[in-house]
PDB file of all heavy atoms in Angstrom:
ATOM      1  N   VAL A   1     -12.815  10.456   6.988  1.00  0.00           N
ATOM      2  CA  VAL A   1     -11.601   9.686   6.655  1.00  0.00           C
ATOM      3  C   VAL A   1     -12.082   8.532   5.814  1.00  0.00           C
ATOM      4  O   VAL A   1     -13.103   7.895   6.013  1.00  0.00           O
ATOM      5  CB  VAL A   1     -10.876   9.147   7.877  1.00  0.00           C
ATOM      6  CG1 VAL A   1      -9.688   8.171   7.475  1.00  0.00           C
ATOM      7  CG2 VAL A   1     -10.373  10.311   8.727  1.00  0.00           C
ATOM      8  N   VAL A   2     -11.248   8.107   4.761  1.00  0.00           N
ATOM      9  CA  VAL A   2     -11.638   7.040   3.844  1.00  0.00           C
ATOM     10  C   VAL A   2     -10.540   5.890   4.097  1.00  0.00           C
ATOM     11  O   VAL A   2      -9.298   6.284   4.087  1.00  0.00           O
ATOM     12  CB  VAL A   2     -11.581   7.465   2.374  1.00  0.00           C
ATOM     13  CG1 VAL A   2     -11.714   6.215   1.434  1.00  0.00           C
ATOM     14  CG2 VAL A   2     -12.728   8.433   2.092  1.00  0.00           C
ATOM     15  N   VAL A   3     -10.969   4.689   4.230  1.00  0.00           N
ATOM     16  CA  VAL A   3     -10.070   3.535   4.387  1.00  0.00           C
ATOM     17  C   VAL A   3     -10.560   2.495   3.479  1.00  0.00           C
ATOM     18  O   VAL A   3     -11.664   2.189   3.447  1.00  0.00           O
ATOM     19  CB  VAL A   3     -10.087   3.046   5.839  1.00  0.00           C
ATOM     20  CG1 VAL A   3      -9.139   1.870   6.039  1.00  0.00           C
ATOM     21  CG2 VAL A   3      -9.753   4.128   6.956  1.00  0.00           C
ATOM     22  N   THR A   4      -9.619   1.936   2.686  1.00  0.00           N
ATOM     23  CA  THR A   4      -9.773   0.758   1.971  1.00  0.00           C
ATOM     24  C   THR A   4      -8.949  -0.381   2.492  1.00  0.00           C
ATOM     25  O   THR A   4      -7.707  -0.117   2.849  1.00  0.00           O
ATOM     26  CB  THR A   4      -9.514   0.969   0.449  1.00  0.00           C
ATOM     27  OG1 THR A   4      -8.125   1.095   0.176  1.00  0.00           O
ATOM     28  CG2 THR A   4     -10.213   2.198  -0.078  1.00  0.00           C
ATOM     29  N   LEU A   5      -9.388  -1.510   2.520  1.00  0.00           N
ATOM     30  CA  LEU A   5      -8.678  -2.729   3.040  1.00  0.00           C
ATOM     31  C   LEU A   5      -8.763  -3.835   2.042  1.00  0.00           C
ATOM     32  O   LEU A   5      -9.795  -4.002   1.347  1.00  0.00           O
ATOM     33  CB  LEU A   5      -9.311  -3.254   4.310  1.00  0.00           C
ATOM     34  CG  LEU A   5      -9.401  -2.232   5.423  1.00  0.00           C
ATOM     35  CD1 LEU A   5     -10.198  -2.841   6.580  1.00  0.00           C
ATOM     36  CD2 LEU A   5      -7.998  -1.817   5.928  1.00  0.00           C
ATOM     37  N   GLY A   6      -7.611  -4.603   1.856  1.00  0.00           N
ATOM     38  CA  GLY A   6      -7.583  -5.659   0.872  1.00  0.00           C
ATOM     39  C   GLY A   6      -8.574  -6.834   1.353  1.00  0.00           C
ATOM     40  O   GLY A   6      -9.130  -7.470   0.496  1.00  0.00           O
ATOM     41  N   GLY A   7      -8.739  -6.940   2.584  1.00  0.00           N
ATOM     42  CA  GLY A   7      -9.647  -7.995   3.083  1.00  0.00           C
ATOM     43  C   GLY A   7      -9.935  -7.803   4.580  1.00  0.00           C
ATOM     44  O   GLY A   7      -9.158  -7.093   5.287  1.00  0.00           O
ATOM     45  N   LEU A   8     -10.899  -8.446   5.068  1.00  0.00           N
ATOM     46  CA  LEU A   8     -11.307  -8.369   6.513  1.00  0.00           C
ATOM     47  C   LEU A   8     -10.776  -9.566   7.344  1.00  0.00           C
ATOM     48  O   LEU A   8     -10.949  -9.598   8.579  1.00  0.00           O
ATOM     49  CB  LEU A   8     -12.844  -8.323   6.588  1.00  0.00           C
ATOM     50  CG  LEU A   8     -13.445  -7.017   6.012  1.00  0.00           C
ATOM     51  CD1 LEU A   8     -14.954  -7.173   5.887  1.00  0.00           C
ATOM     52  CD2 LEU A   8     -13.082  -5.758   6.719  1.00  0.00           C
ATOM     53  N   ASN A   9     -10.133 -10.488   6.673  1.00  0.00           N
ATOM     54  CA  ASN A   9      -9.600 -11.683   7.300  1.00  0.00           C
ATOM     55  C   ASN A   9     -10.534 -12.419   8.341  1.00  0.00           C
ATOM     56  O   ASN A   9     -10.305 -12.819   9.333  1.00  0.00           O
ATOM     57  CB  ASN A   9      -8.345 -11.290   8.132  1.00  0.00           C
ATOM     58  CG  ASN A   9      -7.226 -10.829   7.250  1.00  0.00           C
ATOM     59  OD1 ASN A   9      -7.051 -11.161   6.104  1.00  0.00           O
ATOM     60  ND2 ASN A   9      -6.366  -9.962   7.753  1.00  0.00           N
ATOM     61  N   GLY A  10     -11.746 -12.483   7.804  1.00  0.00           N
ATOM     62  CA  GLY A  10     -12.884 -13.138   8.486  1.00  0.00           C
ATOM     63  C   GLY A  10     -13.519 -12.284   9.547  1.00  0.00           C
ATOM     64  O   GLY A  10     -14.447 -12.714  10.165  1.00  0.00           O
ATOM     65  N   GLY A  11     -13.018 -11.037   9.736  1.00  0.00           N
ATOM     66  CA  GLY A  11     -13.631 -10.112  10.683  1.00  0.00           C
ATOM     67  C   GLY A  11     -14.872  -9.523  10.167  1.00  0.00           C
ATOM     68  O   GLY A  11     -15.179  -9.583   8.923  1.00  0.00           O
ATOM     69  N   ARG A  12     -15.727  -8.915  11.042  1.00  0.00           N
ATOM     70  CA  ARG A  12     -16.926  -8.192  10.571  1.00  0.00           C
ATOM     71  C   ARG A  12     -16.576  -6.760  10.246  1.00  0.00           C
ATOM     72  O   ARG A  12     -15.871  -6.101  11.086  1.00  0.00           O
ATOM     73  CB  ARG A  12     -17.979  -8.315  11.611  1.00  0.00           C
ATOM     74  CG  ARG A  12     -18.391  -9.676  11.913  1.00  0.00           C
ATOM     75  CD  ARG A  12     -19.506  -9.824  12.981  1.00  0.00           C
ATOM     76  NE  ARG A  12     -19.649  -8.685  13.811  1.00  0.00           N
ATOM     77  CZ  ARG A  12     -20.868  -8.200  14.067  1.00  0.00           C
ATOM     78  NH1 ARG A  12     -21.972  -8.826  13.750  1.00  0.00           N
ATOM     79  NH2 ARG A  12     -21.034  -7.115  14.914  1.00  0.00           N
ATOM     80  N   ILE A  13     -17.089  -6.299   9.147  1.00  0.00           N
ATOM     81  CA  ILE A  13     -16.673  -4.860   8.773  1.00  0.00           C
ATOM     82  C   ILE A  13     -17.137  -3.742   9.817  1.00  0.00           C
ATOM     83  O   ILE A  13     -16.453  -2.878  10.125  1.00  0.00           O
ATOM     84  CB  ILE A  13     -17.242  -4.476   7.474  1.00  0.00           C
ATOM     85  CG1 ILE A  13     -16.545  -3.152   6.917  1.00  0.00           C
ATOM     86  CG2 ILE A  13     -18.741  -4.365   7.450  1.00  0.00           C
ATOM     87  CD1 ILE A  13     -16.703  -2.887   5.403  1.00  0.00           C
ATOM     88  N   GLU A  14     -18.247  -4.079  10.507  1.00  0.00           N
ATOM     89  CA  GLU A  14     -18.723  -3.113  11.552  1.00  0.00           C
ATOM     90  C   GLU A  14     -17.755  -3.110  12.700  1.00  0.00           C
ATOM     91  O   GLU A  14     -17.558  -2.008  13.400  1.00  0.00           O
ATOM     92  CB  GLU A  14     -20.128  -3.342  11.993  1.00  0.00           C
ATOM     93  CG  GLU A  14     -20.438  -4.790  12.370  1.00  0.00           C
ATOM     94  CD  GLU A  14     -20.895  -5.659  11.251  1.00  0.00           C
ATOM     95  OE1 GLU A  14     -20.779  -5.295  10.057  1.00  0.00           O
ATOM     96  OE2 GLU A  14     -21.252  -6.828  11.497  1.00  0.00           O
ATOM     97  N   ASP A  15     -17.195  -4.270  13.066  1.00  0.00           N
ATOM     98  CA  ASP A  15     -16.182  -4.317  14.145  1.00  0.00           C
ATOM     99  C   ASP A  15     -14.862  -3.651  13.734  1.00  0.00           C
ATOM    100  O   ASP A  15     -14.344  -2.862  14.642  1.00  0.00           O
ATOM    101  CB  ASP A  15     -15.897  -5.773  14.563  1.00  0.00           C
ATOM    102  CG  ASP A  15     -17.086  -6.459  15.175  1.00  0.00           C
ATOM    103  OD1 ASP A  15     -18.021  -5.874  15.622  1.00  0.00           O
ATOM    104  OD2 ASP A  15     -17.121  -7.795  15.013  1.00  0.00           O
ATOM    105  N   VAL A  16     -14.458  -3.847  12.518  1.00  0.00           N
ATOM    106  CA  VAL A  16     -13.245  -3.174  12.099  1.00  0.00           C
ATOM    107  C   VAL A  16     -13.438  -1.613  12.017  1.00  0.00           C
ATOM    108  O   VAL A  16     -12.629  -0.849  12.471  1.00  0.00           O
ATOM    109  CB  VAL A  16     -12.863  -3.719  10.660  1.00  0.00           C
ATOM    110  CG1 VAL A  16     -11.701  -2.833  10.139  1.00  0.00           C
ATOM    111  CG2 VAL A  16     -12.392  -5.158  10.753  1.00  0.00           C
ATOM    112  N   GLY A  17     -14.581  -1.250  11.495  1.00  0.00           N
ATOM    113  CA  GLY A  17     -14.895   0.170  11.408  1.00  0.00           C
ATOM    114  C   GLY A  17     -15.007   0.874  12.709  1.00  0.00           C
ATOM    115  O   GLY A  17     -14.446   1.939  12.962  1.00  0.00           O
ATOM    116  N   ARG A  18     -15.591   0.198  13.646  1.00  0.00           N
ATOM    117  CA  ARG A  18     -15.777   0.798  14.997  1.00  0.00           C
ATOM    118  C   ARG A  18     -14.426   0.851  15.724  1.00  0.00           C
ATOM    119  O   ARG A  18     -14.008   1.843  16.271  1.00  0.00           O
ATOM    120  CB  ARG A  18     -16.698  -0.123  15.909  1.00  0.00           C
ATOM    121  CG  ARG A  18     -17.073   0.560  17.186  1.00  0.00           C
ATOM    122  CD  ARG A  18     -18.196  -0.268  18.007  1.00  0.00           C
ATOM    123  NE  ARG A  18     -19.273  -0.729  17.119  1.00  0.00           N
ATOM    124  CZ  ARG A  18     -19.421  -2.048  16.808  1.00  0.00           C
ATOM    125  NH1 ARG A  18     -18.592  -2.936  17.311  1.00  0.00           N
ATOM    126  NH2 ARG A  18     -20.473  -2.364  16.091  1.00  0.00           N
ATOM    127  N   ALA A  19     -13.547  -0.230  15.516  1.00  0.00           N
ATOM    128  CA  ALA A  19     -12.199  -0.185  16.084  1.00  0.00           C
ATOM    129  C   ALA A  19     -11.335   0.943  15.582  1.00  0.00           C
ATOM    130  O   ALA A  19     -10.695   1.664  16.231  1.00  0.00           O
ATOM    131  CB  ALA A  19     -11.538  -1.532  15.916  1.00  0.00           C
ATOM    132  N   LEU A  20     -11.417   1.162  14.257  1.00  0.00           N
ATOM    133  CA  LEU A  20     -10.669   2.195  13.615  1.00  0.00           C
ATOM    134  C   LEU A  20     -11.161   3.615  14.022  1.00  0.00           C
ATOM    135  O   LEU A  20     -10.406   4.453  14.435  1.00  0.00           O
ATOM    136  CB  LEU A  20     -10.809   2.178  12.123  1.00  0.00           C
ATOM    137  CG  LEU A  20      -9.974   0.936  11.455  1.00  0.00           C
ATOM    138  CD1 LEU A  20     -10.280   0.923   9.980  1.00  0.00           C
ATOM    139  CD2 LEU A  20      -8.563   0.890  11.839  1.00  0.00           C
ATOM    140  N   GLY A  21     -12.480   3.839  14.077  1.00  0.00           N
ATOM    141  CA  GLY A  21     -12.993   5.009  14.502  1.00  0.00           C
ATOM    142  C   GLY A  21     -12.684   5.507  15.875  1.00  0.00           C
ATOM    143  O   GLY A  21     -12.288   6.573  16.257  1.00  0.00           O
ATOM    144  N   ASP A  22     -12.849   4.465  16.753  1.00  0.00           N
ATOM    145  CA  ASP A  22     -12.530   4.610  18.228  1.00  0.00           C
ATOM    146  C   ASP A  22     -11.081   4.753  18.452  1.00  0.00           C
ATOM    147  O   ASP A  22     -10.593   5.676  19.181  1.00  0.00           O
ATOM    148  CB  ASP A  22     -13.117   3.445  19.063  1.00  0.00           C
ATOM    149  CG  ASP A  22     -14.577   3.467  19.187  1.00  0.00           C
ATOM    150  OD1 ASP A  22     -15.232   4.474  18.926  1.00  0.00           O
ATOM    151  OD2 ASP A  22     -15.129   2.403  19.557  1.00  0.00           O
ATOM    152  N   GLY A  23     -10.323   3.878  17.853  1.00  0.00           N
ATOM    153  CA  GLY A  23      -8.877   3.871  18.024  1.00  0.00           C
ATOM    154  C   GLY A  23      -8.117   5.142  17.519  1.00  0.00           C
ATOM    155  O   GLY A  23      -7.227   5.633  18.054  1.00  0.00           O
ATOM    156  N   TRP A  24      -8.618   5.601  16.391  1.00  0.00           N
ATOM    157  CA  TRP A  24      -8.027   6.852  15.710  1.00  0.00           C
ATOM    158  C   TRP A  24      -8.553   8.045  16.278  1.00  0.00           C
ATOM    159  O   TRP A  24      -7.961   9.122  16.130  1.00  0.00           O
ATOM    160  CB  TRP A  24      -8.198   6.792  14.262  1.00  0.00           C
ATOM    161  CG  TRP A  24      -7.327   5.713  13.553  1.00  0.00           C
ATOM    162  CD1 TRP A  24      -6.218   5.112  13.950  1.00  0.00           C
ATOM    163  CD2 TRP A  24      -7.471   5.289  12.234  1.00  0.00           C
ATOM    164  NE1 TRP A  24      -5.752   4.238  13.075  1.00  0.00           N
ATOM    165  CE2 TRP A  24      -6.529   4.359  11.913  1.00  0.00           C
ATOM    166  CE3 TRP A  24      -8.445   5.481  11.180  1.00  0.00           C
ATOM    167  CZ2 TRP A  24      -6.404   3.653  10.678  1.00  0.00           C
ATOM    168  CZ3 TRP A  24      -8.372   4.860   9.988  1.00  0.00           C
ATOM    169  CH2 TRP A  24      -7.331   3.933   9.715  1.00  0.00           C
ATOM    170  N   GLY A  25      -9.756   8.031  16.805  1.00  0.00           N
ATOM    171  CA  GLY A  25     -10.400   9.187  17.464  1.00  0.00           C
ATOM    172  C   GLY A  25     -10.828  10.134  16.264  1.00  0.00           C
ATOM    173  O   GLY A  25     -10.539  11.367  16.428  1.00  0.00           O
ATOM    174  N   ILE A  26     -11.516   9.647  15.256  1.00  0.00           N
ATOM    175  CA  ILE A  26     -11.863  10.619  14.098  1.00  0.00           C
ATOM    176  C   ILE A  26     -12.944  11.518  14.618  1.00  0.00           C
ATOM    177  O   ILE A  26     -13.879  11.170  15.279  1.00  0.00           O
ATOM    178  CB  ILE A  26     -12.486   9.757  13.034  1.00  0.00           C
ATOM    179  CG1 ILE A  26     -11.540   8.569  12.557  1.00  0.00           C
ATOM    180  CG2 ILE A  26     -12.828  10.639  11.802  1.00  0.00           C
ATOM    181  CD1 ILE A  26     -10.203   9.136  12.066  1.00  0.00           C
ATOM    182  N   GLY A  27     -12.789  12.864  14.330  1.00  0.00           N
ATOM    183  CA  GLY A  27     -13.683  13.885  14.811  1.00  0.00           C
ATOM    184  C   GLY A  27     -13.286  14.503  16.169  1.00  0.00           C
ATOM    185  O   GLY A  27     -12.370  14.029  16.771  1.00  0.00           O
ATOM    186  N   ARG A  28     -13.857  15.536  16.532  1.00  0.00           N
ATOM    187  CA  ARG A  28     -13.541  16.198  17.794  1.00  0.00           C
ATOM    188  C   ARG A  28     -14.218  15.408  18.983  1.00  0.00           C
ATOM    189  O   ARG A  28     -15.402  15.020  18.877  1.00  0.00           O
ATOM    190  CB  ARG A  28     -14.157  17.631  17.822  1.00  0.00           C
ATOM    191  CG  ARG A  28     -13.296  18.583  17.128  1.00  0.00           C
ATOM    192  CD  ARG A  28     -13.689  20.084  17.166  1.00  0.00           C
ATOM    193  NE  ARG A  28     -14.500  20.317  18.367  1.00  0.00           N
ATOM    194  CZ  ARG A  28     -15.451  21.293  18.390  1.00  0.00           C
ATOM    195  NH1 ARG A  28     -15.689  22.035  17.348  1.00  0.00           N
ATOM    196  NH2 ARG A  28     -16.147  21.571  19.513  1.00  0.00           N
ATOM    197  N   ALA A  29     -13.474  15.061  19.938  1.00  0.00           N
ATOM    198  CA  ALA A  29     -13.974  14.288  21.052  1.00  0.00           C
ATOM    199  C   ALA A  29     -15.137  14.913  21.735  1.00  0.00           C
ATOM    200  O   ALA A  29     -16.066  14.205  22.148  1.00  0.00           O
ATOM    201  CB  ALA A  29     -12.754  13.979  22.046  1.00  0.00           C
TER     202      ALA A  29
END
């Protein structure tokens, strides 16, 4: 999955990436 964001609003990209991957459940569990 590809995601582009206008900005991280002061957040860390690794935290945002992990939250999206975990929250969306990308891949077979």
